[in-house]
Amino acid sequence: MQLPQTFNELVAEAEGLKLYEQLVKQLNKDLALANIDLSFCEDVLPTSLKLLLHEMIYKLIQERFMDYLNLLYIIDVSEKKIKTLDGVDTLEMSEKVAFMILQREWQKVWFRNKY
């Protein structure tokens, strides 16, 4: 499986395979497992999903770092990928982490659908 490299590619692929709702459900499930008080309705616009997820990640990094780490662990975002990020600009880093989360969630949904 080749992971999408941009947010627009990810959304286009998810919508093309009619799996966007499943992606949102998977994200909601993992957010609940991590005790993060954020839930998306299944028909949320992709731009809203991206913006709200980015905002939530930024707040977690700034205010609740242990919850942020727990979320990454539960979603199973690659530690190696996280370590490659430059932590100087928290806003930019949180945007990249939000995309990595969506990539990983998409991978789970795609595999579950495929196999």
Protein backbone atom coordinates (compact mmCIF):
# COMPACT_ATOMS: atom_id res chain seq x y z
CA MET A 1 0.00 0.00 0.00
CA GLN A 2 1.31 3.43 -0.98
CA LEU A 3 0.28 6.02 1.62
CA PRO A 4 -1.06 9.33 0.32
CA GLN A 5 1.53 12.10 0.65
CA THR A 6 -0.86 15.05 1.02
CA PHE A 7 -4.09 15.67 2.86
CA ASN A 8 -5.97 16.19 -0.44
CA GLU A 9 -4.70 12.87 -1.83
CA LEU A 10 -5.78 11.10 1.34
CA VAL A 11 -9.29 12.55 1.24
CA ALA A 12 -9.65 11.90 -2.49
CA GLU A 13 -8.62 8.27 -2.05
CA ALA A 14 -10.91 7.79 0.96
CA GLU A 15 -13.88 9.35 -0.82
CA GLY A 16 -13.10 7.48 -4.03
CA LEU A 17 -13.27 4.17 -2.18
CA LYS A 18 -16.29 5.38 -0.20
CA LEU A 19 -14.36 4.97 3.05
CA TYR A 20 -14.28 8.54 4.33
CA GLU A 21 -16.98 7.82 6.93
CA GLN A 22 -14.99 4.80 8.11
CA LEU A 23 -11.91 7.00 8.45
CA VAL A 24 -13.82 9.42 10.68
CA LYS A 25 -15.27 6.54 12.73
CA GLN A 26 -11.79 5.07 13.25
CA LEU A 27 -10.43 8.44 14.31
CA ASN A 28 -13.32 8.91 16.76
CA LYS A 29 -12.73 5.43 18.18
CA ASP A 30 -9.03 6.06 18.81
CA LEU A 31 -9.66 9.53 20.26
CA ALA A 32 -12.13 7.96 22.70
CA LEU A 33 -9.60 5.25 23.64
CA ALA A 34 -7.08 7.99 24.41
CA ASN A 35 -9.63 9.88 26.54
CA ILE A 36 -9.52 12.89 24.23
CA ASP A 37 -12.70 14.92 24.40
CA LEU A 38 -13.19 15.42 20.68
CA SER A 39 -15.55 13.63 18.36
CA PHE A 40 -16.38 14.29 14.72
CA CYS A 41 -19.73 13.67 13.08
CA GLU A 42 -19.36 11.20 10.23
CA ASP A 43 -20.23 13.74 7.54
CA VAL A 44 -17.72 16.36 8.71
CA LEU A 45 -16.14 18.30 5.87
CA PRO A 46 -12.53 17.26 5.24
CA THR A 47 -11.30 20.83 5.74
CA SER A 48 -13.04 21.02 9.12
CA LEU A 49 -11.62 17.64 10.11
CA LYS A 50 -8.11 18.79 9.26
CA LEU A 51 -8.48 22.13 11.05
CA LEU A 52 -10.03 20.75 14.25
CA LEU A 53 -7.59 17.85 14.47
CA HIS A 54 -4.65 20.22 13.97
CA GLU A 55 -5.98 22.55 16.65
CA MET A 56 -6.50 19.67 19.09
CA ILE A 57 -2.96 18.32 18.52
CA TYR A 58 -1.51 21.80 19.05
CA LYS A 59 -3.36 22.18 22.36
CA LEU A 60 -2.29 18.72 23.51
CA ILE A 61 1.37 19.48 22.78
CA GLN A 62 1.15 22.80 24.61
CA GLU A 63 -1.01 21.84 27.59
CA ARG A 64 -1.27 18.06 27.99
CA PHE A 65 1.89 16.51 26.59
CA MET A 66 1.40 13.10 28.24
CA ASP A 67 -2.07 12.84 26.66
CA TYR A 68 -0.48 13.73 23.32
CA LEU A 69 2.05 10.91 23.69
CA ASN A 70 -0.70 8.51 24.76
CA LEU A 71 -2.73 9.42 21.67
CA LEU A 72 0.25 8.75 19.39
CA TYR A 73 0.76 5.39 21.11
CA ILE A 74 -2.90 4.37 20.79
CA ILE A 75 -3.11 5.39 17.14
CA ASP A 76 0.29 3.75 16.54
CA VAL A 77 2.00 6.64 14.76
CA SER A 78 5.57 5.71 13.89
CA GLU A 79 8.00 6.95 16.53
CA LYS A 80 10.69 7.18 13.87
CA LYS A 81 8.53 9.58 11.82
CA ILE A 82 7.77 11.73 14.86
CA LYS A 83 11.47 11.99 15.71
CA THR A 84 12.25 13.36 12.24
CA LEU A 85 10.07 16.42 12.87
CA ASP A 86 11.58 19.75 13.81
CA GLY A 87 10.11 20.72 17.17
CA VAL A 88 11.05 24.41 16.97
CA ASP A 89 7.75 25.55 15.43
CA THR A 90 5.00 23.82 17.42
CA LEU A 91 2.25 25.02 15.10
CA GLU A 92 3.93 23.53 12.02
CA MET A 93 4.85 20.36 13.87
CA SER A 94 1.28 19.85 15.10
CA GLU A 95 0.01 20.17 11.52
CA LYS A 96 2.42 17.45 10.37
CA VAL A 97 1.50 15.21 13.29
CA ALA A 98 -2.22 15.65 12.52
CA PHE A 99 -1.54 14.47 8.96
CA MET A 100 0.50 11.50 10.25
CA ILE A 101 -2.44 10.56 12.46
CA LEU A 102 -4.82 10.70 9.51
CA GLN A 103 -2.37 8.65 7.41
CA ARG A 104 -2.20 5.94 10.08
CA GLU A 105 -5.96 5.91 10.54
CA TRP A 106 -6.39 5.66 6.78
CA GLN A 107 -3.98 2.73 6.71
CA LYS A 108 -6.07 0.89 9.32
CA VAL A 109 -9.33 1.56 7.45
CA TRP A 110 -7.84 0.60 4.07
CA PHE A 111 -6.43 -2.70 5.36
CA ARG A 112 -9.66 -3.60 7.14
CA ASN A 113 -11.61 -2.95 3.94
CA LYS A 114 -9.12 -4.73 1.68
CA TYR A 115 -8.70 -7.88 3.77
